[in-house]
N, C-alpha and C. Protein backbone atom coordinates (compact mmCIF):
# COMPACT_ATOMS: atom_id res chain seq x y z
N MET A 1 129.19 58.08 175.42
CA MET A 1 128.54 57.56 174.23
C MET A 1 129.60 57.10 173.24
N LEU A 2 129.52 55.86 172.81
CA LEU A 2 130.42 55.33 171.79
C LEU A 2 129.65 55.26 170.48
N ILE A 3 130.16 55.93 169.45
CA ILE A 3 129.51 55.93 168.15
C ILE A 3 130.42 55.24 167.15
N ILE A 4 129.92 54.16 166.55
CA ILE A 4 130.66 53.46 165.50
C ILE A 4 130.28 54.10 164.17
N GLY A 5 131.28 54.64 163.48
CA GLY A 5 131.04 55.41 162.27
C GLY A 5 131.19 56.89 162.57
N ALA A 6 131.94 57.60 161.73
CA ALA A 6 132.19 59.03 161.97
C ALA A 6 131.83 59.87 160.76
N SER A 7 130.78 59.46 160.05
CA SER A 7 130.33 60.21 158.88
C SER A 7 129.59 61.47 159.32
N THR A 8 129.03 62.20 158.37
CA THR A 8 128.38 63.49 158.65
C THR A 8 127.36 63.39 159.77
N ILE A 9 126.46 62.41 159.72
CA ILE A 9 125.39 62.30 160.72
C ILE A 9 125.98 61.99 162.10
N SER A 10 127.00 61.14 162.15
CA SER A 10 127.63 60.81 163.43
C SER A 10 128.32 62.03 164.03
N ARG A 11 129.00 62.81 163.20
CA ARG A 11 129.71 64.00 163.69
C ARG A 11 128.72 65.05 164.19
N LEU A 12 127.60 65.17 163.50
CA LEU A 12 126.58 66.14 163.90
C LEU A 12 126.01 65.78 165.28
N ILE A 13 125.66 64.51 165.45
CA ILE A 13 125.12 64.05 166.74
C ILE A 13 126.18 64.14 167.84
N ALA A 14 127.41 63.75 167.51
CA ALA A 14 128.48 63.80 168.51
C ALA A 14 128.75 65.24 168.96
N SER A 15 128.67 66.19 168.04
CA SER A 15 128.89 67.60 168.40
C SER A 15 127.79 68.08 169.34
N TYR A 16 126.56 67.66 169.08
CA TYR A 16 125.45 68.03 169.98
C TYR A 16 125.69 67.44 171.37
N LEU A 17 126.07 66.17 171.41
CA LEU A 17 126.29 65.51 172.70
C LEU A 17 127.44 66.17 173.48
N LYS A 18 128.50 66.54 172.76
CA LYS A 18 129.63 67.20 173.43
C LYS A 18 129.19 68.54 174.02
N LYS A 19 128.37 69.29 173.27
CA LYS A 19 127.87 70.57 173.79
C LYS A 19 127.03 70.37 175.04
N ASN A 20 126.44 69.18 175.15
CA ASN A 20 125.65 68.85 176.33
C ASN A 20 126.47 68.09 177.37
N LYS A 21 127.80 68.28 177.27
CA LYS A 21 128.74 67.75 178.27
C LYS A 21 128.71 66.23 178.41
N ARG A 22 128.51 65.55 177.28
CA ARG A 22 128.60 64.10 177.28
C ARG A 22 129.95 63.68 176.70
N HIS A 23 130.53 62.65 177.28
CA HIS A 23 131.77 62.12 176.73
C HIS A 23 131.42 61.25 175.53
N VAL A 24 131.94 61.61 174.36
CA VAL A 24 131.62 60.90 173.13
C VAL A 24 132.92 60.42 172.49
N VAL A 25 132.93 59.16 172.04
CA VAL A 25 134.05 58.62 171.30
C VAL A 25 133.52 58.11 169.96
N LEU A 26 134.15 58.56 168.88
CA LEU A 26 133.79 58.10 167.53
C LEU A 26 134.84 57.10 167.05
N VAL A 27 134.40 56.02 166.42
CA VAL A 27 135.31 55.03 165.86
C VAL A 27 134.98 54.83 164.39
N ASP A 28 136.01 54.89 163.55
CA ASP A 28 135.80 54.70 162.11
C ASP A 28 137.12 54.25 161.51
N SER A 29 137.06 53.38 160.50
CA SER A 29 138.28 52.96 159.81
C SER A 29 138.67 53.96 158.72
N ASN A 30 137.77 54.90 158.41
CA ASN A 30 138.00 55.89 157.36
C ASN A 30 138.78 57.08 157.93
N GLY A 31 140.00 57.26 157.45
CA GLY A 31 140.86 58.32 157.97
C GLY A 31 140.31 59.71 157.76
N ALA A 32 139.64 59.94 156.62
CA ALA A 32 139.09 61.27 156.33
C ALA A 32 137.99 61.62 157.33
N ASN A 33 137.13 60.65 157.65
CA ASN A 33 136.07 60.88 158.64
C ASN A 33 136.66 61.21 160.02
N ILE A 34 137.71 60.49 160.39
CA ILE A 34 138.34 60.72 161.69
C ILE A 34 138.97 62.11 161.73
N ARG A 35 139.62 62.52 160.64
CA ARG A 35 140.23 63.85 160.58
C ARG A 35 139.18 64.93 160.76
N LYS A 36 138.04 64.80 160.05
CA LYS A 36 136.97 65.79 160.16
C LYS A 36 136.40 65.84 161.58
N ALA A 37 136.30 64.67 162.21
CA ALA A 37 135.78 64.62 163.58
C ALA A 37 136.74 65.33 164.54
N ARG A 38 138.03 65.08 164.38
CA ARG A 38 139.02 65.69 165.27
C ARG A 38 139.07 67.21 165.07
N GLU A 39 138.85 67.66 163.83
CA GLU A 39 138.82 69.10 163.57
C GLU A 39 137.68 69.79 164.31
N LEU A 40 136.64 69.03 164.63
CA LEU A 40 135.51 69.55 165.40
C LEU A 40 135.76 69.44 166.91
N GLY A 41 136.94 68.95 167.27
CA GLY A 41 137.26 68.81 168.69
C GLY A 41 136.70 67.55 169.31
N LEU A 42 136.33 66.58 168.47
CA LEU A 42 135.74 65.34 168.97
C LEU A 42 136.81 64.28 169.21
N ASP A 43 136.57 63.42 170.17
CA ASP A 43 137.44 62.29 170.47
C ASP A 43 137.17 61.21 169.44
N ALA A 44 138.14 60.95 168.56
CA ALA A 44 137.91 60.02 167.46
C ALA A 44 139.08 59.07 167.30
N ILE A 45 138.77 57.80 167.08
CA ILE A 45 139.79 56.75 166.96
C ILE A 45 139.65 56.09 165.59
N GLN A 46 140.78 56.01 164.86
CA GLN A 46 140.76 55.30 163.58
C GLN A 46 141.07 53.83 163.84
N GLU A 47 140.04 53.01 163.70
CA GLU A 47 140.19 51.59 164.00
C GLU A 47 139.08 50.82 163.30
N ASN A 48 139.36 49.58 162.95
CA ASN A 48 138.37 48.70 162.35
C ASN A 48 137.55 48.05 163.46
N VAL A 49 136.23 48.02 163.30
CA VAL A 49 135.37 47.46 164.34
C VAL A 49 135.65 45.97 164.56
N TYR A 50 136.24 45.31 163.57
CA TYR A 50 136.56 43.89 163.71
C TYR A 50 137.88 43.66 164.45
N SER A 51 138.63 44.72 164.69
CA SER A 51 139.93 44.59 165.34
C SER A 51 139.80 44.17 166.80
N ASP A 52 140.66 43.24 167.21
CA ASP A 52 140.66 42.79 168.61
C ASP A 52 141.17 43.89 169.55
N ASP A 53 141.90 44.85 168.99
CA ASP A 53 142.47 45.92 169.81
C ASP A 53 141.46 47.01 170.16
N LEU A 54 140.31 47.00 169.48
CA LEU A 54 139.37 48.11 169.62
C LEU A 54 138.93 48.32 171.07
N ILE A 55 138.51 47.25 171.73
CA ILE A 55 138.03 47.38 173.11
C ILE A 55 139.13 47.91 174.03
N ASN A 56 140.38 47.48 173.77
CA ASN A 56 141.50 47.92 174.61
C ASN A 56 141.83 49.39 174.40
N ASN A 57 141.48 49.93 173.22
CA ASN A 57 141.85 51.31 172.88
C ASN A 57 140.83 52.34 173.36
N ILE A 58 139.70 51.88 173.92
CA ILE A 58 138.64 52.81 174.32
C ILE A 58 138.44 52.74 175.83
N GLU A 59 138.37 53.89 176.46
CA GLU A 59 138.06 53.96 177.89
C GLU A 59 136.55 53.89 178.03
N LEU A 60 136.04 52.72 178.46
CA LEU A 60 134.60 52.48 178.48
C LEU A 60 133.94 52.82 179.81
N SER A 61 134.73 53.19 180.80
CA SER A 61 134.18 53.36 182.15
C SER A 61 133.12 54.45 182.22
N ASP A 62 133.28 55.52 181.42
CA ASP A 62 132.28 56.60 181.48
C ASP A 62 131.49 56.72 180.19
N VAL A 63 131.39 55.60 179.45
CA VAL A 63 130.62 55.56 178.21
C VAL A 63 129.41 54.66 178.45
N GLY A 64 128.21 55.23 178.39
CA GLY A 64 127.02 54.47 178.79
C GLY A 64 126.24 53.81 177.68
N TYR A 65 126.43 54.30 176.44
CA TYR A 65 125.64 53.77 175.34
C TYR A 65 126.51 53.53 174.11
N LEU A 66 126.06 52.60 173.28
CA LEU A 66 126.67 52.35 171.98
C LEU A 66 125.66 52.69 170.90
N MET A 67 126.10 53.46 169.90
CA MET A 67 125.28 53.69 168.72
C MET A 67 126.10 53.28 167.50
N ALA A 68 125.67 52.22 166.83
CA ALA A 68 126.34 51.76 165.61
C ALA A 68 125.67 52.44 164.42
N MET A 69 126.42 53.33 163.76
CA MET A 69 125.83 54.18 162.74
C MET A 69 126.65 54.17 161.45
N THR A 70 126.98 52.99 160.97
CA THR A 70 127.66 52.91 159.68
C THR A 70 126.65 52.52 158.61
N GLY A 71 127.07 52.60 157.36
CA GLY A 71 126.19 52.22 156.26
C GLY A 71 126.19 50.73 156.00
N ASN A 72 126.94 49.97 156.81
CA ASN A 72 127.07 48.53 156.63
C ASN A 72 126.39 47.80 157.78
N THR A 73 125.28 47.14 157.49
CA THR A 73 124.51 46.46 158.54
C THR A 73 125.34 45.40 159.26
N GLU A 74 126.20 44.69 158.50
CA GLU A 74 127.04 43.65 159.11
C GLU A 74 127.99 44.25 160.15
N VAL A 75 128.57 45.40 159.82
CA VAL A 75 129.47 46.09 160.75
C VAL A 75 128.70 46.52 162.00
N ASN A 76 127.50 47.05 161.79
CA ASN A 76 126.68 47.49 162.93
C ASN A 76 126.32 46.33 163.85
N LEU A 77 125.94 45.21 163.26
CA LEU A 77 125.60 44.02 164.05
C LEU A 77 126.82 43.51 164.80
N ASN A 78 127.97 43.53 164.14
CA ASN A 78 129.20 43.08 164.79
C ASN A 78 129.55 43.97 165.98
N ALA A 79 129.35 45.28 165.82
CA ALA A 79 129.63 46.22 166.92
C ALA A 79 128.72 45.94 168.11
N ILE A 80 127.43 45.69 167.83
CA ILE A 80 126.48 45.37 168.90
C ILE A 80 126.95 44.13 169.66
N GLU A 81 127.36 43.11 168.92
CA GLU A 81 127.79 41.86 169.54
C GLU A 81 129.08 42.05 170.33
N LYS A 82 130.02 42.79 169.76
CA LYS A 82 131.33 42.99 170.40
C LYS A 82 131.22 43.70 171.74
N PHE A 83 130.30 44.68 171.82
CA PHE A 83 130.21 45.51 173.02
C PHE A 83 129.02 45.18 173.92
N ARG A 84 128.31 44.09 173.58
CA ARG A 84 127.09 43.77 174.33
C ARG A 84 127.37 43.59 175.83
N LYS A 85 128.48 42.94 176.16
CA LYS A 85 128.75 42.68 177.59
C LYS A 85 129.09 43.98 178.33
N HIS A 86 129.53 45.00 177.61
CA HIS A 86 129.86 46.28 178.25
C HIS A 86 128.62 47.15 178.43
N PHE A 87 127.74 47.16 177.42
CA PHE A 87 126.60 48.07 177.43
C PHE A 87 125.27 47.38 177.72
N GLY A 88 125.23 46.05 177.60
CA GLY A 88 123.99 45.33 177.83
C GLY A 88 123.00 45.51 176.69
N GLU A 89 121.88 44.80 176.77
CA GLU A 89 120.89 44.85 175.69
C GLU A 89 120.22 46.21 175.61
N ASN A 90 120.08 46.89 176.74
CA ASN A 90 119.37 48.18 176.74
C ASN A 90 120.30 49.36 176.47
N GLY A 91 121.59 49.09 176.28
CA GLY A 91 122.52 50.18 176.04
C GLY A 91 123.16 50.16 174.67
N SER A 92 122.73 49.22 173.82
CA SER A 92 123.32 49.06 172.49
C SER A 92 122.27 49.29 171.42
N PHE A 93 122.57 50.19 170.50
CA PHE A 93 121.63 50.55 169.44
C PHE A 93 122.34 50.58 168.09
N ARG A 94 121.56 50.38 167.03
CA ARG A 94 122.10 50.49 165.66
C ARG A 94 121.02 51.02 164.74
N VAL A 95 121.45 51.66 163.66
CA VAL A 95 120.47 52.10 162.67
C VAL A 95 119.86 50.86 162.02
N VAL A 96 118.58 50.96 161.68
CA VAL A 96 117.91 49.82 161.05
C VAL A 96 118.45 49.66 159.63
N SER A 97 118.37 48.44 159.12
CA SER A 97 118.80 48.18 157.75
C SER A 97 117.69 48.58 156.79
N SER A 98 118.02 48.66 155.51
CA SER A 98 117.01 49.00 154.50
C SER A 98 115.90 47.96 154.47
N ASP A 99 116.27 46.68 154.62
CA ASP A 99 115.25 45.62 154.63
C ASP A 99 114.31 45.78 155.81
N GLU A 100 114.86 46.07 156.99
CA GLU A 100 114.03 46.26 158.19
C GLU A 100 113.14 47.48 158.05
N MET A 101 113.65 48.51 157.39
CA MET A 101 112.89 49.75 157.23
C MET A 101 111.60 49.51 156.45
N TYR A 102 111.67 48.62 155.46
CA TYR A 102 110.49 48.37 154.61
C TYR A 102 109.61 47.23 155.13
N ASP A 103 109.97 46.68 156.29
CA ASP A 103 109.18 45.60 156.88
C ASP A 103 108.72 46.02 158.27
N PRO A 104 107.50 46.57 158.39
CA PRO A 104 107.02 47.07 159.68
C PRO A 104 106.92 46.00 160.76
N GLU A 105 106.90 44.72 160.37
CA GLU A 105 106.83 43.64 161.35
C GLU A 105 108.21 43.31 161.92
N ASN A 106 109.25 43.82 161.27
CA ASN A 106 110.62 43.50 161.68
C ASN A 106 111.24 44.74 162.33
N ASN A 107 110.91 44.95 163.60
CA ASN A 107 111.39 46.14 164.32
C ASN A 107 112.38 45.69 165.40
N PRO A 108 113.69 45.72 165.10
CA PRO A 108 114.66 45.19 166.06
C PRO A 108 114.66 45.97 167.37
N LYS A 109 114.83 45.24 168.47
CA LYS A 109 114.82 45.86 169.80
C LYS A 109 115.91 46.93 169.91
N GLU A 110 117.05 46.69 169.22
CA GLU A 110 118.16 47.63 169.32
C GLU A 110 118.11 48.72 168.25
N GLY A 111 116.97 48.82 167.54
CA GLY A 111 116.83 49.82 166.49
C GLY A 111 116.98 51.23 167.02
N LEU A 112 117.65 52.09 166.24
CA LEU A 112 118.02 53.43 166.67
C LEU A 112 117.13 54.49 166.01
N PHE A 113 116.55 55.36 166.83
CA PHE A 113 115.79 56.54 166.41
C PHE A 113 114.44 56.23 165.77
N SER A 114 114.43 55.48 164.68
CA SER A 114 113.18 55.32 163.95
C SER A 114 113.20 54.05 163.13
N GLN A 115 112.05 53.39 163.04
CA GLN A 115 111.91 52.20 162.22
C GLN A 115 111.90 52.55 160.74
N THR A 116 111.66 53.82 160.41
CA THR A 116 111.51 54.22 159.01
C THR A 116 112.69 55.03 158.49
N ASP A 117 113.80 55.05 159.24
CA ASP A 117 114.96 55.83 158.82
C ASP A 117 116.23 55.00 158.92
N ASP A 118 116.75 54.59 157.76
CA ASP A 118 118.00 53.83 157.74
C ASP A 118 119.18 54.80 157.59
N TYR A 119 120.37 54.26 157.41
CA TYR A 119 121.58 55.09 157.33
C TYR A 119 121.49 56.10 156.19
N ILE A 120 120.98 55.66 155.05
CA ILE A 120 120.90 56.56 153.88
C ILE A 120 119.99 57.74 154.17
N LYS A 121 118.84 57.49 154.78
CA LYS A 121 117.91 58.57 155.10
C LYS A 121 118.51 59.53 156.12
N LEU A 122 119.15 58.99 157.14
CA LEU A 122 119.79 59.83 158.16
C LEU A 122 120.88 60.71 157.53
N THR A 123 121.70 60.10 156.68
CA THR A 123 122.80 60.82 156.04
C THR A 123 122.28 61.92 155.13
N ASN A 124 121.28 61.59 154.31
CA ASN A 124 120.73 62.59 153.39
C ASN A 124 120.12 63.77 154.14
N LEU A 125 119.44 63.48 155.25
CA LEU A 125 118.81 64.56 156.01
C LEU A 125 119.87 65.42 156.70
N ALA A 126 120.95 64.79 157.18
CA ALA A 126 122.03 65.55 157.83
C ALA A 126 122.71 66.48 156.83
N ARG A 127 122.73 66.11 155.58
CA ARG A 127 123.32 66.97 154.54
C ARG A 127 122.35 68.08 154.15
N LYS A 128 121.07 67.75 154.11
CA LYS A 128 120.06 68.74 153.72
C LYS A 128 119.80 69.76 154.82
N TYR A 129 119.70 69.27 156.05
CA TYR A 129 119.46 70.13 157.23
C TYR A 129 120.48 69.77 158.32
N PRO A 130 121.70 70.31 158.25
CA PRO A 130 122.72 69.95 159.26
C PRO A 130 122.47 70.66 160.58
N SER A 131 121.28 70.46 161.14
CA SER A 131 120.89 71.15 162.37
C SER A 131 120.19 70.18 163.32
N ILE A 132 120.47 70.36 164.61
CA ILE A 132 119.77 69.61 165.65
C ILE A 132 119.01 70.61 166.50
N HIS A 133 117.73 70.35 166.71
CA HIS A 133 116.86 71.27 167.44
C HIS A 133 116.33 70.60 168.71
N GLU A 134 115.87 71.43 169.64
CA GLU A 134 115.19 70.96 170.85
C GLU A 134 113.82 71.62 170.91
N ILE A 135 112.81 70.84 171.27
CA ILE A 135 111.46 71.39 171.40
C ILE A 135 110.88 70.93 172.74
N GLU A 136 110.29 71.86 173.47
CA GLU A 136 109.78 71.53 174.80
C GLU A 136 108.47 70.76 174.70
N LEU A 137 108.34 69.76 175.57
CA LEU A 137 107.15 68.90 175.58
C LEU A 137 106.28 69.24 176.78
N ASN A 138 104.97 69.22 176.57
CA ASN A 138 104.07 69.48 177.71
C ASN A 138 103.35 68.23 178.20
N SER A 139 103.49 67.11 177.46
CA SER A 139 102.82 65.87 177.88
C SER A 139 103.30 64.72 177.01
N LYS A 140 102.96 63.50 177.42
CA LYS A 140 103.25 62.32 176.59
C LYS A 140 102.47 62.39 175.29
N GLU A 141 101.25 62.92 175.36
CA GLU A 141 100.42 63.04 174.15
C GLU A 141 101.07 64.00 173.16
N HIS A 142 101.65 65.07 173.68
CA HIS A 142 102.36 66.02 172.84
C HIS A 142 103.53 65.34 172.13
N TYR A 143 104.31 64.56 172.90
CA TYR A 143 105.42 63.80 172.33
C TYR A 143 104.94 62.84 171.25
N ASP A 144 103.88 62.07 171.58
CA ASP A 144 103.35 61.10 170.61
C ASP A 144 102.91 61.79 169.33
N GLY A 145 102.33 62.99 169.47
CA GLY A 145 101.89 63.75 168.30
C GLY A 145 103.06 64.17 167.43
N LEU A 146 104.15 64.59 168.07
CA LEU A 146 105.35 64.98 167.32
C LEU A 146 105.99 63.78 166.63
N ILE A 147 105.95 62.62 167.30
CA ILE A 147 106.46 61.40 166.67
C ILE A 147 105.65 61.08 165.42
N GLU A 148 104.33 61.23 165.51
CA GLU A 148 103.47 60.98 164.34
C GLU A 148 103.80 61.95 163.21
N ILE A 149 104.04 63.22 163.56
CA ILE A 149 104.43 64.20 162.54
C ILE A 149 105.72 63.76 161.85
N SER A 150 106.68 63.28 162.65
CA SER A 150 107.97 62.87 162.09
C SER A 150 107.82 61.66 161.17
N LYS A 151 106.82 60.83 161.43
CA LYS A 151 106.62 59.64 160.58
C LYS A 151 106.13 60.01 159.19
N THR A 152 105.43 61.14 159.10
CA THR A 152 104.90 61.55 157.79
C THR A 152 105.75 62.63 157.13
N ASP A 153 106.68 63.21 157.88
CA ASP A 153 107.56 64.24 157.33
C ASP A 153 108.99 63.70 157.28
N PRO A 154 109.51 63.40 156.09
CA PRO A 154 110.85 62.80 155.99
C PRO A 154 111.98 63.73 156.41
N ASP A 155 111.66 65.01 156.64
CA ASP A 155 112.69 65.98 157.00
C ASP A 155 112.81 66.19 158.51
N ILE A 156 112.17 65.32 159.31
CA ILE A 156 112.26 65.40 160.77
C ILE A 156 112.54 64.00 161.32
N ILE A 157 113.64 63.85 162.07
CA ILE A 157 113.96 62.57 162.69
C ILE A 157 114.25 62.80 164.18
N PRO A 158 113.40 62.31 165.09
CA PRO A 158 113.66 62.43 166.53
C PRO A 158 114.89 61.61 166.93
N LEU A 159 115.71 62.17 167.84
CA LEU A 159 116.95 61.51 168.25
C LEU A 159 116.97 61.14 169.73
N PHE A 160 116.71 62.14 170.59
CA PHE A 160 116.82 61.95 172.03
C PHE A 160 115.66 62.63 172.75
N VAL A 161 115.48 62.23 174.01
CA VAL A 161 114.63 62.97 174.94
C VAL A 161 115.54 63.45 176.07
N LYS A 162 115.43 64.74 176.40
CA LYS A 162 116.22 65.32 177.49
C LYS A 162 115.28 65.61 178.65
N ASN A 163 115.59 65.05 179.83
CA ASN A 163 114.70 65.25 180.98
C ASN A 163 115.01 66.57 181.69
N ASN A 164 114.31 66.83 182.78
CA ASN A 164 114.45 68.11 183.47
C ASN A 164 115.79 68.27 184.17
N GLU A 165 116.54 67.17 184.31
CA GLU A 165 117.89 67.25 184.89
C GLU A 165 118.96 67.35 183.81
N GLY A 166 118.52 67.39 182.55
CA GLY A 166 119.46 67.48 181.45
C GLY A 166 120.00 66.15 180.97
N GLU A 167 119.47 65.04 181.52
CA GLU A 167 119.92 63.72 181.09
C GLU A 167 119.27 63.36 179.76
N LEU A 168 120.06 62.74 178.89
CA LEU A 168 119.59 62.39 177.55
C LEU A 168 119.31 60.90 177.45
N SER A 169 118.18 60.55 176.83
CA SER A 169 117.83 59.16 176.54
C SER A 169 117.68 59.02 175.04
N ILE A 170 118.26 57.95 174.50
CA ILE A 170 118.12 57.68 173.07
C ILE A 170 116.68 57.29 172.77
N ILE A 171 116.12 57.84 171.71
CA ILE A 171 114.80 57.41 171.26
C ILE A 171 114.98 56.14 170.43
N PRO A 172 114.43 55.01 170.89
CA PRO A 172 114.58 53.76 170.13
C PRO A 172 113.62 53.74 168.94
N SER A 173 113.81 52.77 168.05
CA SER A 173 112.93 52.70 166.87
C SER A 173 111.49 52.44 167.28
N ASN A 174 111.28 51.77 168.43
CA ASN A 174 109.93 51.65 168.99
C ASN A 174 109.73 52.86 169.89
N SER A 175 109.45 54.01 169.27
CA SER A 175 109.56 55.30 169.95
C SER A 175 108.46 55.58 170.97
N THR A 176 107.44 54.71 171.04
CA THR A 176 106.38 54.94 172.02
C THR A 176 106.83 54.56 173.43
N GLU A 177 107.88 53.72 173.54
CA GLU A 177 108.34 53.25 174.84
C GLU A 177 109.30 54.25 175.49
N VAL A 178 108.86 55.48 175.61
CA VAL A 178 109.70 56.53 176.19
C VAL A 178 108.90 57.25 177.26
N GLU A 179 109.53 57.44 178.42
CA GLU A 179 108.86 58.15 179.52
C GLU A 179 108.96 59.66 179.28
N ILE A 180 107.81 60.33 179.38
CA ILE A 180 107.76 61.78 179.13
C ILE A 180 107.07 62.48 180.29
N GLU A 181 107.64 63.60 180.71
CA GLU A 181 106.99 64.47 181.69
C GLU A 181 107.01 65.90 181.15
N GLU A 182 106.14 66.73 181.70
CA GLU A 182 106.09 68.12 181.27
C GLU A 182 107.44 68.79 181.48
N GLY A 183 107.89 69.53 180.48
CA GLY A 183 109.18 70.21 180.57
C GLY A 183 110.32 69.46 179.92
N TYR A 184 110.12 68.17 179.62
CA TYR A 184 111.14 67.41 178.89
C TYR A 184 111.31 68.04 177.50
N LEU A 185 112.45 67.77 176.88
CA LEU A 185 112.70 68.26 175.53
C LEU A 185 112.85 67.09 174.57
N MET A 186 112.30 67.22 173.37
CA MET A 186 112.59 66.25 172.31
C MET A 186 113.66 66.86 171.43
N VAL A 187 114.73 66.11 171.24
CA VAL A 187 115.85 66.54 170.41
C VAL A 187 115.70 65.87 169.05
N TYR A 188 115.77 66.66 167.98
CA TYR A 188 115.52 66.07 166.67
C TYR A 188 116.41 66.68 165.60
N LEU A 189 116.62 65.92 164.54
CA LEU A 189 117.42 66.33 163.39
C LEU A 189 116.49 66.81 162.28
N GLY A 190 116.94 67.81 161.53
CA GLY A 190 116.21 68.21 160.34
C GLY A 190 115.68 69.62 160.39
N LYS A 191 114.56 69.81 159.71
CA LYS A 191 113.98 71.15 159.66
C LYS A 191 113.24 71.43 160.97
N GLN A 192 113.09 72.71 161.28
CA GLN A 192 112.38 73.09 162.50
C GLN A 192 110.90 72.75 162.38
N ILE A 193 110.35 72.22 163.47
CA ILE A 193 108.91 71.97 163.52
C ILE A 193 108.19 73.31 163.54
N GLU A 194 107.15 73.42 162.74
CA GLU A 194 106.43 74.69 162.61
C GLU A 194 105.90 75.16 163.96
N PRO A 195 105.90 76.48 164.19
CA PRO A 195 105.40 77.02 165.47
C PRO A 195 103.98 76.57 165.79
N GLY A 196 103.19 76.29 164.76
CA GLY A 196 101.83 75.83 164.99
C GLY A 196 101.79 74.47 165.67
N ASP A 197 102.85 73.69 165.47
CA ASP A 197 102.92 72.37 166.11
C ASP A 197 103.38 72.49 167.55
N SER A 198 104.29 73.40 167.81
CA SER A 198 104.77 73.64 169.17
C SER A 198 105.78 74.76 169.12
N GLU A 199 106.19 75.25 170.30
CA GLU A 199 107.17 76.33 170.34
C GLU A 199 108.57 75.76 170.43
N GLU A 200 109.46 76.37 169.67
CA GLU A 200 110.85 75.94 169.65
C GLU A 200 111.59 76.53 170.84
N LYS A 201 112.36 75.71 171.55
CA LYS A 201 113.11 76.23 172.69
C LYS A 201 114.55 76.58 172.30
N GLU A 202 115.19 75.71 171.56
CA GLU A 202 116.60 75.96 171.26
C GLU A 202 116.92 75.37 169.90
N ASN A 203 117.81 76.03 169.20
CA ASN A 203 118.25 75.55 167.90
C ASN A 203 119.77 75.41 167.94
N ILE A 204 120.25 74.22 167.69
CA ILE A 204 121.69 73.97 167.71
C ILE A 204 122.11 73.56 166.31
N GLU A 205 122.93 74.39 165.69
CA GLU A 205 123.37 74.12 164.33
C GLU A 205 124.87 73.95 164.32
N GLU A 206 125.33 72.97 163.61
CA GLU A 206 126.76 72.70 163.57
C GLU A 206 127.30 72.99 162.17
N ASN A 207 128.53 73.46 162.13
CA ASN A 207 129.21 73.65 160.86
C ASN A 207 129.95 72.35 160.54
N ILE A 208 129.19 71.38 160.10
CA ILE A 208 129.74 70.05 159.86
C ILE A 208 130.18 69.93 158.41
N GLU A 209 131.45 69.63 158.22
CA GLU A 209 131.97 69.45 156.86
C GLU A 209 131.35 68.19 156.26
N GLN A 210 130.85 68.31 155.04
CA GLN A 210 130.20 67.16 154.40
C GLN A 210 131.25 66.13 153.98
N ASP A 211 130.82 64.87 153.93
CA ASP A 211 131.72 63.80 153.49
C ASP A 211 131.94 63.90 151.98
């Protein structure tokens, strides 16, 4: 997984992915963000996304997805374009812009996690609840119900679906287009979903230094 941007939310997600034995590389031009990422044991490169050297500095052979997660929409779009030939259209994602977030008709195919959560919302939630949780799913309907809960609760943002083999799939902003089977897990950021909604399987909390 290649993550452009190494702020609090990126480090939190990268730490979860590393715990799940995924190779993660963080890229950021901000030296402080890179230092904090390295202190967490994460593979982090200080580089500008516009740099021609960036592709040469990253081992892409075992990196399957791109997530552009900076607060600058232009940078995110540039990252998508730069790495499109490596990851393809289905392997490149970015956080939606504030304009896209407020326009339900403008849902980009490469949108990351949610149509209603831009970089600011993700960052604020990562500071308020620096925890990533997993909840077991019993059906597609169960998943759809949890997605609906997340749409009305600003303190819950779905991130990934983990299948029965432990493989992780990014939840796109068009979150209904996800294959679900009984026993899959929904991985989400924020507060724990109430037991009345479903039973919690695992709670993963990181000691992420705030920006």
